[in-house]
C-alpha atoms as a PDB file:
ATOM      1  CA  MET A   1     207.772 117.706  16.558  1.00  0.00           C
ATOM      2  CA  ALA A   2     207.326 115.164  19.352  1.00  0.00           C
ATOM      3  CA  GLU A   3     207.592 111.580  18.220  1.00  0.00           C
ATOM      4  CA  MET A   4     204.705 109.162  18.599  1.00  0.00           C
ATOM      5  CA  SER A   5     205.236 105.414  18.391  1.00  0.00           C
ATOM      6  CA  ASP A   6     203.612 103.536  15.505  1.00  0.00           C
ATOM      7  CA  SER A   7     201.399 101.569  17.872  1.00  0.00           C
ATOM      8  CA  SER A   8     200.244 104.746  19.643  1.00  0.00           C
ATOM      9  CA  ARG A   9     199.549 106.409  16.294  1.00  0.00           C
ATOM     10  CA  ASN A  10     197.589 103.349  15.118  1.00  0.00           C
ATOM     11  CA  LEU A  11     195.570 103.191  18.337  1.00  0.00           C
ATOM     12  CA  LEU A  12     194.799 106.908  18.115  1.00  0.00           C
ATOM     13  CA  GLY A  13     193.726 106.467  14.490  1.00  0.00           C
ATOM     14  CA  LEU A  14     191.527 103.504  15.387  1.00  0.00           C
ATOM     15  CA  ALA A  15     189.933 105.340  18.308  1.00  0.00           C
ATOM     16  CA  THR A  16     189.194 108.481  16.300  1.00  0.00           C
ATOM     17  CA  GLY A  17     187.862 106.360  13.426  1.00  0.00           C
ATOM     18  CA  VAL A  18     185.498 104.470  15.729  1.00  0.00           C
ATOM     19  CA  VAL A  19     184.267 107.711  17.304  1.00  0.00           C
ATOM     20  CA  PHE A  20     183.825 109.316  13.869  1.00  0.00           C
ATOM     21  CA  GLY A  21     181.933 106.259  12.596  1.00  0.00           C
ATOM     22  CA  ALA A  22     179.682 106.244  15.649  1.00  0.00           C
ATOM     23  CA  LEU A  23     178.919 109.925  15.121  1.00  0.00           C
ATOM     24  CA  LEU A  24     178.161 109.317  11.441  1.00  0.00           C
ATOM     25  CA  ARG A  25     175.805 106.540  12.515  1.00  0.00           C
ATOM     26  CA  ARG A  26     174.189 108.802  15.101  1.00  0.00           C
ATOM     27  CA  GLY A  27     173.663 111.474  12.442  1.00  0.00           C
ATOM     28  CA  GLY A  28     172.011 108.979  10.086  1.00  0.00           C
ATOM     29  CA  LEU A  29     174.816 109.185   7.548  1.00  0.00           C
ATOM     30  CA  ASP A  30     175.134 105.414   7.280  1.00  0.00           C
ATOM     31  CA  ASP A  31     171.998 105.429   5.097  1.00  0.00           C
ATOM     32  CA  SER A  32     172.574 106.059   1.389  1.00  0.00           C
ATOM     33  CA  ARG A  33     169.214 107.861   1.182  1.00  0.00           C
ATOM     34  CA  THR A  34     170.666 110.582   3.409  1.00  0.00           C
ATOM     35  CA  ILE A  35     173.654 111.058   1.081  1.00  0.00           C
ATOM     36  CA  VAL A  36     171.452 111.107  -2.018  1.00  0.00           C
ATOM     37  CA  GLY A  37     169.153 113.565  -0.222  1.00  0.00           C
ATOM     38  CA  GLN A  38     172.128 115.844   0.299  1.00  0.00           C
ATOM     39  CA  LEU A  39     173.057 115.644  -3.390  1.00  0.00           C
ATOM     40  CA  THR A  40     169.481 116.520  -4.414  1.00  0.00           C
ATOM     41  CA  GLY A  41     169.226 119.319  -1.831  1.00  0.00           C
ATOM     42  CA  ASP A  42     166.529 117.604   0.231  1.00  0.00           C
ATOM     43  CA  ASP A  43     168.584 116.757   3.333  1.00  0.00           C
ATOM     44  CA  SER A  44     171.111 118.984   5.107  1.00  0.00           C
ATOM     45  CA  ARG A  45     172.317 116.485   7.730  1.00  0.00           C
ATOM     46  CA  VAL A  46     175.533 115.752   5.815  1.00  0.00           C
ATOM     47  CA  VAL A  47     176.526 119.413   5.651  1.00  0.00           C
ATOM     48  CA  LYS A  48     175.740 119.927   9.337  1.00  0.00           C
ATOM     49  CA  THR A  49     177.558 116.778  10.437  1.00  0.00           C
ATOM     50  CA  MET A  50     180.638 117.373   8.298  1.00  0.00           C
ATOM     51  CA  GLY A  51     180.756 121.051   9.265  1.00  0.00           C
ATOM     52  CA  SER A  52     180.801 120.001  12.907  1.00  0.00           C
ATOM     53  CA  ALA A  53     183.512 117.420  12.162  1.00  0.00           C
ATOM     54  CA  VAL A  54     185.678 120.032  10.398  1.00  0.00           C
ATOM     55  CA  ALA A  55     185.315 122.431  13.334  1.00  0.00           C
ATOM     56  CA  VAL A  56     186.251 119.755  15.876  1.00  0.00           C
ATOM     57  CA  GLY A  57     189.123 118.596  13.647  1.00  0.00           C
ATOM     58  CA  ALA A  58     190.453 122.152  13.347  1.00  0.00           C
ATOM     59  CA  LEU A  59     190.405 122.577  17.116  1.00  0.00           C
ATOM     60  CA  GLY A  60     192.062 119.182  17.550  1.00  0.00           C
ATOM     61  CA  HIS A  61     194.759 120.040  15.013  1.00  0.00           C
ATOM     62  CA  ARG A  62     195.464 123.329  16.767  1.00  0.00           C
ATOM     63  CA  TRP A  63     195.713 121.503  20.107  1.00  0.00           C
ATOM     64  CA  LEU A  64     198.093 118.914  18.587  1.00  0.00           C
ATOM     65  CA  ARG A  65     200.215 121.650  16.932  1.00  0.00           C
ATOM     66  CA  ARG A  66     200.645 123.476  20.213  1.00  0.00           C
ATOM     67  CA  ARG A  67     201.991 120.264  21.751  1.00  0.00           C
ATOM     68  CA  GLY A  68     204.358 119.602  18.848  1.00  0.00           C
ATOM     69  CA  LEU A  69     202.417 116.544  17.621  1.00  0.00           C
ATOM     70  CA  ALA A  70     201.314 118.002  14.260  1.00  0.00           C
ATOM     71  CA  THR A  71     202.688 120.407  11.672  1.00  0.00           C
ATOM     72  CA  LEU A  72     201.391 122.541   8.814  1.00  0.00           C
ATOM     73  CA  GLU A  73     202.644 121.109   5.552  1.00  0.00           C
ATOM     74  CA  PRO A  74     200.943 122.563   2.466  1.00  0.00           C
ATOM     75  CA  LYS A  75     200.740 120.137  -0.450  1.00  0.00           C
ATOM     76  CA  PRO A  76     201.247 121.142  -4.089  1.00  0.00           C
ATOM     77  CA  LEU A  77     198.028 122.363  -5.730  1.00  0.00           C
ATOM     78  CA  ASN A  78     197.339 120.498  -8.959  1.00  0.00           C
ATOM     79  CA  PRO A  79     194.053 121.865 -10.395  1.00  0.00           C
ATOM     80  CA  VAL A  80     193.684 119.123 -13.047  1.00  0.00           C
ATOM     81  CA  ALA A  81     194.071 116.372 -10.446  1.00  0.00           C
ATOM     82  CA  LEU A  82     191.826 118.244  -7.998  1.00  0.00           C
ATOM     83  CA  VAL A  83     188.972 118.749 -10.464  1.00  0.00           C
ATOM     84  CA  GLY A  84     189.332 115.249 -11.951  1.00  0.00           C
ATOM     85  CA  GLY A  85     189.430 113.629  -8.534  1.00  0.00           C
ATOM     86  CA  GLY A  86     186.466 115.683  -7.349  1.00  0.00           C
ATOM     87  CA  LEU A  87     184.418 114.649 -10.389  1.00  0.00           C
ATOM     88  CA  LEU A  88     185.249 110.965  -9.901  1.00  0.00           C
ATOM     89  CA  PHE A  89     184.562 111.184  -6.151  1.00  0.00           C
ATOM     90  CA  GLY A  90     181.211 112.879  -6.795  1.00  0.00           C
ATOM     91  CA  LEU A  91     180.299 110.329  -9.464  1.00  0.00           C
ATOM     92  CA  GLY A  92     181.084 107.508  -7.040  1.00  0.00           C
ATOM     93  CA  MET A  93     178.949 109.175  -4.363  1.00  0.00           C
ATOM     94  CA  ALA A  94     176.057 109.628  -6.785  1.00  0.00           C
ATOM     95  CA  ILE A  95     176.226 105.997  -7.932  1.00  0.00           C
ATOM     96  CA  SER A  96     176.705 104.339  -4.538  1.00  0.00           C
ATOM     97  CA  GLY A  97     175.117 106.884  -2.238  1.00  0.00           C
ATOM     98  CA  TYR A  98     178.210 106.798  -0.023  1.00  0.00           C
ATOM     99  CA  CYS A  99     181.561 108.473   0.500  1.00  0.00           C
ATOM    100  CA  PRO A 100     184.378 106.472   2.169  1.00  0.00           C
ATOM    101  CA  GLY A 101     183.490 107.428   5.749  1.00  0.00           C
ATOM    102  CA  THR A 102     179.773 106.873   5.383  1.00  0.00           C
ATOM    103  CA  ALA A 103     180.348 103.574   3.535  1.00  0.00           C
ATOM    104  CA  ALA A 104     182.484 102.357   6.441  1.00  0.00           C
ATOM    105  CA  ALA A 105     179.783 103.449   8.899  1.00  0.00           C
ATOM    106  CA  ALA A 106     177.148 101.663   6.807  1.00  0.00           C
ATOM    107  CA  ALA A 107     179.226  98.476   6.618  1.00  0.00           C
ATOM    108  CA  GLY A 108     179.876  98.678  10.360  1.00  0.00           C
ATOM    109  CA  SER A 109     176.153  98.967  11.042  1.00  0.00           C
ATOM    110  CA  GLY A 110     175.423  95.879   8.919  1.00  0.00           C
ATOM    111  CA  ARG A 111     174.270  97.472   5.655  1.00  0.00           C
ATOM    112  CA  ARG A 112     175.264  95.255   2.739  1.00  0.00           C
ATOM    113  CA  GLU A 113     175.331  98.161   0.256  1.00  0.00           C
ATOM    114  CA  GLY A 114     178.029  99.782   2.412  1.00  0.00           C
ATOM    115  CA  VAL A 115     180.235  96.726   1.916  1.00  0.00           C
ATOM    116  CA  TRP A 116     179.618  96.873  -1.857  1.00  0.00           C
ATOM    117  CA  ALA A 117     180.446 100.584  -1.894  1.00  0.00           C
ATOM    118  CA  ILE A 118     183.748  99.888  -0.113  1.00  0.00           C
ATOM    119  CA  ALA A 119     184.509  97.112  -2.630  1.00  0.00           C
ATOM    120  CA  GLY A 120     183.859  99.587  -5.467  1.00  0.00           C
ATOM    121  CA  MET A 121     186.121 102.179  -3.852  1.00  0.00           C
ATOM    122  CA  LEU A 122     188.921  99.644  -3.428  1.00  0.00           C
ATOM    123  CA  ALA A 123     188.552  98.569  -7.081  1.00  0.00           C
ATOM    124  CA  ALA A 124     188.696 102.214  -8.189  1.00  0.00           C
ATOM    125  CA  ALA A 125     191.754 102.838  -6.004  1.00  0.00           C
ATOM    126  CA  ALA A 126     193.510  99.774  -7.446  1.00  0.00           C
ATOM    127  CA  THR A 127     192.709 100.974 -10.967  1.00  0.00           C
ATOM    128  CA  PHE A 128     194.120 104.412 -10.154  1.00  0.00           C
ATOM    129  CA  VAL A 129     197.326 102.923  -8.724  1.00  0.00           C
ATOM    130  CA  ALA A 130     197.752 100.742 -11.809  1.00  0.00           C
ATOM    131  CA  THR A 131     197.208 103.652 -14.233  1.00  0.00           C
ATOM    132  CA  TYR A 132     198.958 106.416 -12.276  1.00  0.00           C
ATOM    133  CA  PRO A 133     202.333 106.154 -14.049  1.00  0.00           C
ATOM    134  CA  SER A 134     200.680 106.920 -17.393  1.00  0.00           C
ATOM    135  CA  LEU A 135     198.418 109.618 -15.890  1.00  0.00           C
ATOM    136  CA  LYS A 136     201.054 111.411 -13.804  1.00  0.00           C
ATOM    137  CA  LYS A 137     202.004 114.102 -16.374  1.00  0.00           C
ATOM    138  CA  VAL A 138     198.360 114.946 -17.093  1.00  0.00           C
ATOM    139  CA  LEU A 139     197.451 115.101 -13.400  1.00  0.00           C
ATOM    140  CA  GLU A 140     200.360 117.399 -12.616  1.00  0.00           C
ATOM    141  CA  ALA A 141     199.647 119.762 -15.537  1.00  0.00           C
ATOM    142  CA  GLY A 142     199.139 123.309 -14.350  1.00  0.00           C
ATOM    143  CA  SER A 143     200.544 122.706 -10.871  1.00  0.00           C
ATOM    144  CA  VAL A 144     200.856 125.962  -8.943  1.00  0.00           C
ATOM    145  CA  GLY A 145     203.132 124.541  -6.262  1.00  0.00           C
ATOM    146  CA  ARG A 146     202.567 124.727  -2.533  1.00  0.00           C
ATOM    147  CA  VAL A 147     199.594 126.866  -1.544  1.00  0.00           C
ATOM    148  CA  ALA A 148     198.491 127.842   1.935  1.00  0.00           C
ATOM    149  CA  LEU A 149     195.790 129.957   3.470  1.00  0.00           C
ATOM    150  CA  VAL A 150     197.171 133.295   4.497  1.00  0.00           C
ATOM    151  CA  GLY A 151     197.013 133.386   8.275  1.00  0.00           C
ATOM    152  CA  GLY A 152     197.055 136.165  10.783  1.00  0.00           C
ATOM    153  CA  THR A 153     194.853 138.732   9.061  1.00  0.00           C
ATOM    154  CA  PRO A 154     192.916 140.776  11.644  1.00  0.00           C
ATOM    155  CA  PRO A 155     189.114 140.267  11.354  1.00  0.00           C
ATOM    156  CA  ALA A 156     188.465 143.872  10.234  1.00  0.00           C
ATOM    157  CA  ARG A 157     190.948 143.568   7.354  1.00  0.00           C
ATOM    158  CA  ARG A 158     190.085 140.075   6.058  1.00  0.00           C
ATOM    159  CA  PRO A 159     189.370 139.816   2.338  1.00  0.00           C
ATOM    160  CA  PRO A 160     185.979 138.631   1.021  1.00  0.00           C
ATOM    161  CA  LEU A 161     185.223 134.947   1.752  1.00  0.00           C
ATOM    162  CA  ASP A 162     188.032 135.013   4.324  1.00  0.00           C
ATOM    163  CA  ILE A 163     190.282 132.979   2.032  1.00  0.00           C
ATOM    164  CA  VAL A 164     193.372 134.182   0.206  1.00  0.00           C
ATOM    165  CA  MET A 165     195.880 131.804  -1.335  1.00  0.00           C
ATOM    166  CA  ARG A 166     199.517 132.507  -1.980  1.00  0.00           C
ATOM    167  CA  PRO A 167     201.230 130.238  -4.571  1.00  0.00           C
ATOM    168  CA  GLY A 168     204.696 129.028  -3.677  1.00  0.00           C
ATOM    169  CA  MET A 169     204.278 129.539   0.055  1.00  0.00           C
ATOM    170  CA  GLY A 170     206.525 126.812   1.406  1.00  0.00           C
ATOM    171  CA  GLU A 171     207.201 128.214   4.848  1.00  0.00           C
ATOM    172  CA  GLN A 172     204.908 127.598   7.768  1.00  0.00           C
ATOM    173  CA  PHE A 173     202.629 130.397   8.862  1.00  0.00           C
ATOM    174  CA  SER A 174     201.391 131.498  12.220  1.00  0.00           C
ATOM    175  CA  ALA A 175     197.770 131.370  13.318  1.00  0.00           C
ATOM    176  CA  GLU A 176     198.482 134.342  15.586  1.00  0.00           C
ATOM    177  CA  PRO A 177     197.016 137.697  14.506  1.00  0.00           C
ATOM    178  CA  ALA A 178     199.269 139.990  12.525  1.00  0.00           C
ATOM    179  CA  PRO A 179     200.310 143.199  14.303  1.00  0.00           C
ATOM    180  CA  GLU A 180     198.135 146.201  13.581  1.00  0.00           C
ATOM    181  CA  PRO A 181     199.700 148.562  11.043  1.00  0.00           C
ATOM    182  CA  ALA A 182     201.018 151.858  12.392  1.00  0.00           C
ATOM    183  CA  HIS A 183     198.607 154.706  11.714  1.00  0.00           C
ATOM    184  CA  SER A 184     200.090 157.853  10.264  1.00  0.00           C
ATOM    185  CA  ALA A 185     198.730 161.088  11.720  1.00  0.00           C
END
């Protein structure tokens, strides 16, 4: 993988963060009423905006991979930590009306509640760091190891929902289509 200097990496991170924040602002996601509207099913702007961001991010990651600037590194799947973290994240969103990105966009656009949401997130993060040593065994219970999406399945042969996970898959996988199986006559 090609090396990038720390200052270049930081500048790239800052630039993408500013662009992402501006796009969140443009989509109206710096307003907690929009986030609450998404949670109640009354507003679909969050889903549309984040879906667009995921698509652009996927294309960007592919572009960076092809240039040797990014890799695929599956992380261990810990269901207890995943579900617990998701519940706490969702609770924080329901209470504050913000997730980290939208809180930063709100704070950047001058909304005081965005600053308070960020303060709450930092307090929660500090609490997690302080309690992690005693929580580590519980959070890692039921770990299934490294999991990756199976890549290269031809469109006609993809399983339902287009997602299959293989536990223990530590090697990198190709995004190139798998060869067609030989047909027996």
